[in-house]
Amino acid sequence: LALKPLFPARRVVILQSAMQRLVCLALAACGLSLTEATITTARCGPQTKVCLASFTTAAGDPEWECAPATDAATVSITAEQSKHGAKVCGPGSFHFSPMQCAGGRFEYKKTTTEVDVNSVTTGCQMVSFPYDMSCYSVSC
């Protein structure tokens, strides 16, 4: 038995093209360009980072792994990482929450560490957690 495709390939391409035009028209009606609509988060400055440690060396020292911060993005913290606290580098507001990133309860018992733009930010500051944390976010 030979099955015929429900939509021939040419018709699918035409439909996709029409959908793309419709999206562009909708964005134009809202006063947005396609690039403005797709950019939802921005990277912080190159010196703004959050460092977490998943494990320790044989001597018991945390092995820090640093990640560049993205403004307003939420990032999960594992239980192993939470044990060691965090290091924050560069200027920004560093928010840590015991709640999971998903679910809309980030603000509950959130702790914040502020690093002023005008302060010396060449080093990193150690942040200890008063309880286990599950998520962090940075405002820069």
Protein backbone atom coordinates (compact mmCIF):
# COMPACT_ATOMS: atom_id res chain seq x y z
CA LEU A 1 0.00 0.00 0.00
CA ALA A 2 1.31 3.39 -0.92
CA LEU A 3 0.15 6.16 1.38
CA LYS A 4 -0.26 9.68 0.06
CA PRO A 5 0.99 12.46 2.32
CA LEU A 6 -1.81 14.46 3.90
CA PHE A 7 -0.14 17.73 2.93
CA PRO A 8 2.25 17.77 0.00
CA ALA A 9 5.67 19.29 0.85
CA ARG A 10 5.05 22.33 -1.32
CA ARG A 11 1.81 23.18 0.50
CA VAL A 12 3.60 22.90 3.88
CA VAL A 13 6.30 25.36 2.76
CA ILE A 14 3.65 27.82 1.59
CA LEU A 15 1.78 27.50 4.90
CA GLN A 16 5.00 28.05 6.90
CA SER A 17 5.83 31.13 4.83
CA ALA A 18 2.33 32.51 5.38
CA MET A 19 2.61 31.91 9.14
CA GLN A 20 5.96 33.73 9.24
CA ARG A 21 4.43 36.72 7.46
CA LEU A 22 1.50 36.71 9.87
CA VAL A 23 3.86 36.73 12.88
CA CYS A 24 5.88 39.60 11.39
CA LEU A 25 2.71 41.60 10.75
CA ALA A 26 1.52 40.99 14.31
CA LEU A 27 4.85 42.15 15.69
CA ALA A 28 4.84 45.23 13.46
CA ALA A 29 1.35 46.09 14.69
CA CYS A 30 2.71 46.02 18.24
CA GLY A 31 5.68 48.18 17.26
CA LEU A 32 8.28 45.43 17.65
CA SER A 33 10.82 44.09 15.22
CA LEU A 34 11.57 40.37 15.07
CA THR A 35 14.92 40.83 16.86
CA GLU A 36 13.32 42.84 19.69
CA ALA A 37 10.68 40.16 20.20
CA THR A 38 13.19 37.29 20.45
CA ILE A 39 15.57 38.96 22.91
CA THR A 40 14.10 38.34 26.36
CA THR A 41 17.18 38.27 28.56
CA ALA A 42 20.51 40.03 28.46
CA ARG A 43 23.89 39.03 29.76
CA CYS A 44 25.29 41.02 32.64
CA GLY A 45 28.79 42.50 32.46
CA PRO A 46 31.65 40.05 31.87
CA GLN A 47 32.79 40.25 35.50
CA THR A 48 29.34 39.38 36.93
CA LYS A 49 29.27 35.67 37.74
CA VAL A 50 27.86 33.19 40.23
CA CYS A 51 30.12 30.38 41.40
CA LEU A 52 28.82 27.14 42.91
CA ALA A 53 30.63 24.01 44.10
CA SER A 54 29.19 20.55 43.49
CA PHE A 55 32.04 18.70 45.15
CA THR A 56 35.19 19.20 47.24
CA THR A 57 38.83 18.32 46.82
CA ALA A 58 40.51 15.59 48.88
CA ALA A 59 41.41 18.33 51.37
CA GLY A 60 37.74 19.31 51.70
CA ASP A 61 37.97 22.59 49.79
CA PRO A 62 35.03 23.36 47.48
CA GLU A 63 35.74 23.16 43.74
CA TRP A 64 34.08 26.35 42.44
CA GLU A 65 32.60 26.50 38.96
CA CYS A 66 31.62 29.98 37.80
CA ALA A 67 28.88 30.81 35.28
CA PRO A 68 28.25 34.20 33.63
CA ALA A 69 25.11 35.87 34.94
CA THR A 70 22.09 36.60 32.75
CA ASP A 71 19.79 39.37 33.95
CA ALA A 72 16.56 38.05 35.55
CA ALA A 73 17.15 34.42 34.50
CA THR A 74 16.52 31.79 37.18
CA VAL A 75 19.07 29.01 37.60
CA SER A 76 18.61 25.81 39.62
CA ILE A 77 20.92 24.95 42.51
CA THR A 78 21.42 21.30 43.47
CA ALA A 79 21.50 20.11 47.08
CA GLU A 80 25.25 19.42 46.75
CA GLN A 81 25.87 22.97 45.51
CA SER A 82 23.74 24.50 48.26
CA LYS A 83 25.90 22.91 50.99
CA HIS A 84 28.85 25.14 50.10
CA GLY A 85 27.02 28.44 49.60
CA ALA A 86 28.05 30.55 46.63
CA LYS A 87 30.61 33.06 45.45
CA VAL A 88 29.27 36.16 43.70
CA CYS A 89 31.51 38.16 41.43
CA GLY A 90 30.98 41.59 39.90
CA PRO A 91 28.23 44.15 40.45
CA GLY A 92 24.55 43.24 40.74
CA SER A 93 21.81 42.01 43.05
CA PHE A 94 22.20 38.29 43.66
CA HIS A 95 18.98 36.62 44.81
CA PHE A 96 18.91 33.11 46.29
CA SER A 97 15.69 31.23 47.08
CA PRO A 98 14.91 27.92 48.78
CA MET A 99 12.01 27.46 46.35
CA GLN A 100 12.32 25.75 42.98
CA CYS A 101 12.77 27.98 39.95
CA ALA A 102 9.49 26.84 38.42
CA GLY A 103 6.25 27.50 40.24
CA GLY A 104 6.23 31.24 40.86
CA ARG A 105 7.25 31.13 44.55
CA PHE A 106 10.83 32.42 44.11
CA GLU A 107 10.25 35.39 46.47
CA TYR A 108 9.46 33.16 49.48
CA LYS A 109 12.37 33.30 51.98
CA LYS A 110 14.59 34.85 49.30
CA THR A 111 17.95 36.25 50.45
CA THR A 112 19.72 38.99 48.52
CA THR A 113 23.36 40.02 48.33
CA GLU A 114 23.94 43.47 46.80
CA VAL A 115 27.22 44.43 45.14
CA ASP A 116 27.27 48.13 44.23
CA VAL A 117 28.42 49.15 40.76
CA ASN A 118 30.78 51.70 42.34
CA SER A 119 32.48 49.19 44.65
CA VAL A 120 35.61 47.27 43.78
CA THR A 121 34.38 44.18 41.94
CA THR A 122 37.61 42.50 40.88
CA GLY A 123 37.23 39.79 43.52
CA CYS A 124 34.40 37.50 44.50
CA GLN A 125 32.41 37.57 47.73
CA MET A 126 31.51 34.44 49.64
CA VAL A 127 27.79 34.00 50.37
CA SER A 128 26.71 31.47 52.97
CA PHE A 129 23.14 30.22 52.95
CA PRO A 130 21.02 30.22 56.13
CA TYR A 131 19.14 27.19 54.74
CA ASP A 132 19.24 25.03 51.61
CA MET A 133 18.75 27.03 48.42
CA SER A 134 17.23 25.67 45.19
CA CYS A 135 17.36 28.60 42.77
CA TYR A 136 19.16 31.88 42.08
CA SER A 137 18.67 34.95 39.93
CA VAL A 138 20.78 38.03 39.24
CA SER A 139 19.64 41.59 38.55
CA CYS A 140 22.30 43.65 36.85
